[in-house]
Amino acid sequence: MSFTVIIPARLASTRLPNKPIADICGKPMIVRVAEQALKSGASRVICAVDDELILKACEANGIEACLTRKDHACGTDRLCEAAELCKISDDEIIVNVQGDEPLIPPKVIKNVAELLMNRSDCSMGTAAIRIHSAEEFFNPNVVKVVTDKNGSALYFSRAPIAKDRSALPKHLGLRHVGIYSYRCAFLKAYPELPKSDLERWESLEQLRALYNGYKIAVDTFEEEIPPGVDTLADLEA
């Protein structure tokens, strides 16, 4: 089964202006992300952008891109518009790769796509890594996830959840990694699903799927996944 990667990107960023076209060793960041995605085995990689500057940067480097509306409230809405514009079939698997992840391992993208190929009971897939420091565990900017015995998500939270309370814990729960796979038909229906207080309280969009009874498969990686770029310091690093 094939899969398509869509990379949503918007020009405006409060912490790093013009982030998608920021230079990383001679290429715009969005191009670096797309190049990693192309190594994953995806049949198609599309950048869903909100500005002509990003569109031209992609086209100049041979990367497929489509221009979407500027007023989308979140990346998932931009994904939906891109899926419609690019006429992606309802049975295709779509992987949402964030536009500020220039070092994302292609293996992570491939594995998250394969999750849905192997889990017919799930509508979404995502990834997690183990937390080894208390600083991370108690950081509200680090999203935690708890899974059941089959590797399906039970809950996502910014709060410290599922701590190993033994004397010598091996880890302090699981850190959610913000990459998602969707069945395209589910993705197109997602914006119309009822929102819940949980989504608003946690400010976590994926809780909408759980609240409405859809399953999310989680692939836990033992190796570290490089962080994304949020600030100028991240970009320099």
Protein backbone atom coordinates (compact mmCIF):
# COMPACT_ATOMS: atom_id res chain seq x y z
CA MET A 1 0.00 0.00 0.00
CA SER A 2 1.27 3.47 -0.89
CA PHE A 3 1.22 6.56 1.27
CA THR A 4 1.43 10.31 0.72
CA VAL A 5 3.28 12.80 2.90
CA ILE A 6 1.78 16.27 3.29
CA ILE A 7 3.87 18.96 4.97
CA PRO A 8 1.77 21.93 6.18
CA ALA A 9 3.65 25.21 6.47
CA ARG A 10 2.66 28.81 7.12
CA LEU A 11 4.90 31.82 6.73
CA ALA A 12 3.93 33.60 9.94
CA SER A 13 5.66 32.46 13.13
CA THR A 14 5.81 34.41 16.38
CA ARG A 15 9.13 32.98 17.52
CA LEU A 16 10.90 32.66 14.17
CA PRO A 17 9.61 34.87 11.31
CA ASN A 18 9.53 33.28 7.83
CA LYS A 19 10.47 29.96 9.38
CA PRO A 20 9.65 27.66 6.40
CA ILE A 21 12.10 29.50 4.15
CA ALA A 22 14.85 29.92 6.76
CA ASP A 23 18.20 28.88 5.30
CA ILE A 24 19.75 25.61 6.47
CA CYS A 25 23.13 25.10 4.80
CA GLY A 26 21.99 26.55 1.49
CA LYS A 27 18.42 25.25 1.30
CA PRO A 28 15.11 26.46 2.77
CA MET A 29 13.94 24.53 5.83
CA ILE A 30 10.77 23.32 4.10
CA VAL A 31 12.91 21.79 1.33
CA ARG A 32 15.08 19.98 3.91
CA VAL A 33 11.92 18.51 5.47
CA ALA A 34 10.58 17.41 2.08
CA GLU A 35 13.90 15.76 1.19
CA GLN A 36 13.75 13.68 4.38
CA ALA A 37 10.17 12.71 3.55
CA LEU A 38 11.18 11.64 0.03
CA LYS A 39 13.62 9.14 1.57
CA SER A 40 10.78 7.44 3.48
CA GLY A 41 9.38 5.55 0.51
CA ALA A 42 6.35 7.83 0.14
CA SER A 43 4.74 7.71 -3.28
CA ARG A 44 4.17 11.46 -3.15
CA VAL A 45 5.40 14.37 -1.00
CA ILE A 46 3.40 17.61 -1.06
CA CYS A 47 4.04 20.86 0.81
CA ALA A 48 0.75 22.56 1.74
CA VAL A 49 1.72 26.22 2.07
CA ASP A 50 -0.04 29.53 2.72
CA ASP A 51 2.25 31.96 0.89
CA GLU A 52 3.74 32.41 -2.57
CA LEU A 53 7.23 32.79 -1.07
CA ILE A 54 7.15 29.23 0.30
CA LEU A 55 5.53 27.93 -2.90
CA LYS A 56 8.31 29.41 -5.04
CA ALA A 57 11.01 28.06 -2.69
CA CYS A 58 9.58 24.56 -3.09
CA GLU A 59 9.18 24.79 -6.86
CA ALA A 60 12.72 26.13 -7.28
CA ASN A 61 14.00 22.97 -5.60
CA GLY A 62 11.76 20.51 -7.45
CA ILE A 63 9.39 19.93 -4.53
CA GLU A 64 5.65 19.57 -5.21
CA ALA A 65 3.59 22.19 -3.39
CA CYS A 66 0.06 23.57 -3.33
CA LEU A 67 -1.17 26.97 -2.16
CA THR A 68 -3.79 26.80 0.60
CA ARG A 69 -5.83 29.43 2.45
CA LYS A 70 -4.14 31.62 5.05
CA ASP A 71 -6.99 31.47 7.57
CA HIS A 72 -6.78 27.82 8.68
CA ALA A 73 -7.00 27.44 12.46
CA CYS A 74 -4.66 24.43 12.53
CA GLY A 75 -2.40 22.24 10.43
CA THR A 76 -5.02 19.49 10.11
CA ASP A 77 -7.43 21.87 8.35
CA ARG A 78 -4.63 22.80 5.94
CA LEU A 79 -4.01 19.08 5.33
CA CYS A 80 -7.67 18.57 4.48
CA GLU A 81 -7.66 21.36 1.92
CA ALA A 82 -4.45 19.99 0.36
CA ALA A 83 -5.94 16.50 0.12
CA GLU A 84 -8.93 17.95 -1.74
CA LEU A 85 -6.84 20.19 -4.00
CA CYS A 86 -4.50 17.34 -4.93
CA LYS A 87 -7.39 14.88 -5.41
CA ILE A 88 -6.04 12.25 -3.02
CA SER A 89 -8.28 9.16 -2.86
CA ASP A 90 -10.20 8.33 0.31
CA ASP A 91 -8.36 5.03 0.82
CA GLU A 92 -4.87 6.59 0.69
CA ILE A 93 -2.82 6.89 3.87
CA ILE A 94 -1.59 10.42 4.52
CA VAL A 95 1.31 11.25 6.83
CA ASN A 96 1.41 14.74 8.33
CA VAL A 97 5.05 15.79 8.76
CA GLN A 98 5.60 19.14 10.47
CA GLY A 99 7.32 21.78 8.35
CA ASP A 100 9.87 22.55 11.07
CA GLU A 101 11.35 19.04 11.35
CA PRO A 102 14.37 19.17 8.98
CA LEU A 103 16.12 16.29 10.77
CA ILE A 104 13.17 13.90 11.07
CA PRO A 105 14.37 10.34 10.33
CA PRO A 106 12.72 8.86 7.21
CA LYS A 107 12.23 5.64 9.21
CA VAL A 108 9.84 7.43 11.57
CA ILE A 109 7.71 8.63 8.65
CA LYS A 110 7.63 5.16 7.10
CA ASN A 111 6.79 3.41 10.38
CA VAL A 112 3.93 5.78 11.18
CA ALA A 113 2.47 5.12 7.71
CA GLU A 114 2.85 1.35 8.16
CA LEU A 115 1.01 1.54 11.49
CA LEU A 116 -2.25 2.12 9.65
CA MET A 117 -1.45 -0.51 7.05
CA ASN A 118 -1.18 -3.05 9.88
CA ARG A 119 -3.91 -1.68 12.18
CA SER A 120 -7.26 -1.75 10.41
CA ASP A 121 -8.96 -0.86 13.71
CA CYS A 122 -7.23 2.54 13.89
CA SER A 123 -8.00 5.76 12.02
CA MET A 124 -4.80 7.57 13.00
CA GLY A 125 -1.20 6.68 13.82
CA THR A 126 1.54 8.59 15.65
CA ALA A 127 4.88 8.12 17.43
CA ALA A 128 6.39 8.33 20.90
CA ILE A 129 9.77 8.07 22.62
CA ARG A 130 10.62 7.33 26.24
CA ILE A 131 11.16 10.15 28.74
CA HIS A 132 14.28 9.81 30.87
CA SER A 133 14.41 13.11 32.77
CA ALA A 134 12.14 14.65 35.38
CA GLU A 135 12.58 18.04 33.68
CA GLU A 136 10.96 16.69 30.52
CA PHE A 137 8.32 14.77 32.44
CA PHE A 138 7.06 17.83 34.31
CA ASN A 139 7.40 20.23 31.35
CA PRO A 140 3.91 21.20 30.08
CA ASN A 141 5.37 21.79 26.62
CA VAL A 142 6.24 18.08 26.46
CA VAL A 143 3.11 16.13 25.57
CA LYS A 144 2.80 12.74 27.27
CA VAL A 145 0.87 9.73 25.94
CA VAL A 146 -0.41 6.57 27.62
CA THR A 147 -1.15 3.43 25.58
CA ASP A 148 -2.99 0.15 26.06
CA LYS A 149 -1.51 -3.33 25.62
CA ASN A 150 -2.01 -3.15 21.84
CA GLY A 151 -0.19 0.15 21.47
CA SER A 152 -3.33 2.25 21.04
CA ALA A 153 -3.46 5.66 22.70
CA LEU A 154 -5.53 5.90 25.87
CA TYR A 155 -4.85 9.59 26.50
CA PHE A 156 -2.55 12.51 25.67
CA SER A 157 -1.73 15.20 28.23
CA ARG A 158 0.61 18.06 29.04
CA ALA A 159 0.45 16.92 32.66
CA PRO A 160 2.91 14.31 34.08
CA ILE A 161 1.01 11.04 33.57
CA ALA A 162 1.88 7.35 33.84
CA LYS A 163 4.99 7.71 35.98
CA ASP A 164 6.86 4.55 37.01
CA ARG A 165 6.81 4.88 40.81
CA SER A 166 9.27 2.07 41.58
CA ALA A 167 12.57 2.89 43.31
CA LEU A 168 14.59 2.77 40.09
CA PRO A 169 12.26 3.67 37.23
CA LYS A 170 13.43 2.74 33.76
CA HIS A 171 11.65 5.74 32.31
CA LEU A 172 9.12 8.42 33.13
CA GLY A 173 6.37 7.70 30.65
CA LEU A 174 6.22 8.36 26.93
CA ARG A 175 6.79 11.62 25.09
CA HIS A 176 4.48 12.15 22.14
CA VAL A 177 6.19 13.02 18.85
CA GLY A 178 4.06 15.29 16.68
CA ILE A 179 3.79 13.23 13.50
CA TYR A 180 0.49 11.69 12.40
CA SER A 181 -0.82 9.28 9.80
CA TYR A 182 -4.47 9.31 8.74
CA ARG A 183 -6.77 7.40 6.47
CA CYS A 184 -7.70 10.10 3.97
CA ALA A 185 -11.47 9.59 4.36
CA PHE A 186 -11.11 10.07 8.13
CA LEU A 187 -8.90 13.14 7.64
CA LYS A 188 -11.55 14.80 5.46
CA ALA A 189 -14.21 14.15 8.13
CA TYR A 190 -12.00 15.23 11.04
CA PRO A 191 -12.70 19.01 11.02
CA GLU A 192 -16.44 18.30 11.44
CA LEU A 193 -16.04 16.06 14.51
CA PRO A 194 -17.38 17.60 17.74
CA LYS A 195 -14.73 19.22 19.94
CA SER A 196 -14.60 18.42 23.64
CA ASP A 197 -13.51 20.22 26.79
CA LEU A 198 -10.53 17.85 26.90
CA GLU A 199 -9.21 19.24 23.62
CA ARG A 200 -9.69 22.82 24.82
CA TRP A 201 -8.19 22.23 28.29
CA GLU A 202 -5.11 20.42 26.99
CA SER A 203 -4.86 22.38 23.73
CA LEU A 204 -4.28 19.04 21.98
CA GLU A 205 -6.16 18.50 18.75
CA GLN A 206 -5.67 14.71 18.66
CA LEU A 207 -7.96 14.34 21.69
CA ARG A 208 -10.88 15.07 19.34
CA ALA A 209 -10.37 11.66 17.73
CA LEU A 210 -10.28 9.81 21.06
CA TYR A 211 -13.29 11.71 22.39
CA ASN A 212 -15.32 10.65 19.34
CA GLY A 213 -14.37 6.99 19.69
CA TYR A 214 -11.64 6.69 17.04
CA LYS A 215 -8.43 4.79 17.78
CA ILE A 216 -4.90 6.14 17.41
CA ALA A 217 -2.05 3.62 17.02
CA VAL A 218 1.25 4.62 18.67
CA ASP A 219 4.68 3.42 17.54
CA THR A 220 7.24 3.70 20.37
CA PHE A 221 10.81 4.36 19.21
CA GLU A 222 13.73 3.41 21.43
CA GLU A 223 16.16 5.77 19.71
CA GLU A 224 15.98 9.53 20.10
CA ILE A 225 14.22 11.62 17.45
CA PRO A 226 15.93 14.97 16.75
CA PRO A 227 13.94 18.02 17.89
CA GLY A 228 12.27 20.47 15.53
CA VAL A 229 13.06 24.15 14.99
CA ASP A 230 11.06 26.59 17.12
CA THR A 231 13.52 29.41 17.75
CA LEU A 232 16.54 31.12 16.19
CA ALA A 233 18.77 29.18 18.63
CA ASP A 234 17.29 25.90 17.32
CA LEU A 235 17.97 27.03 13.77
CA GLU A 236 21.58 27.90 14.54
CA ALA A 237 22.09 24.54 16.27
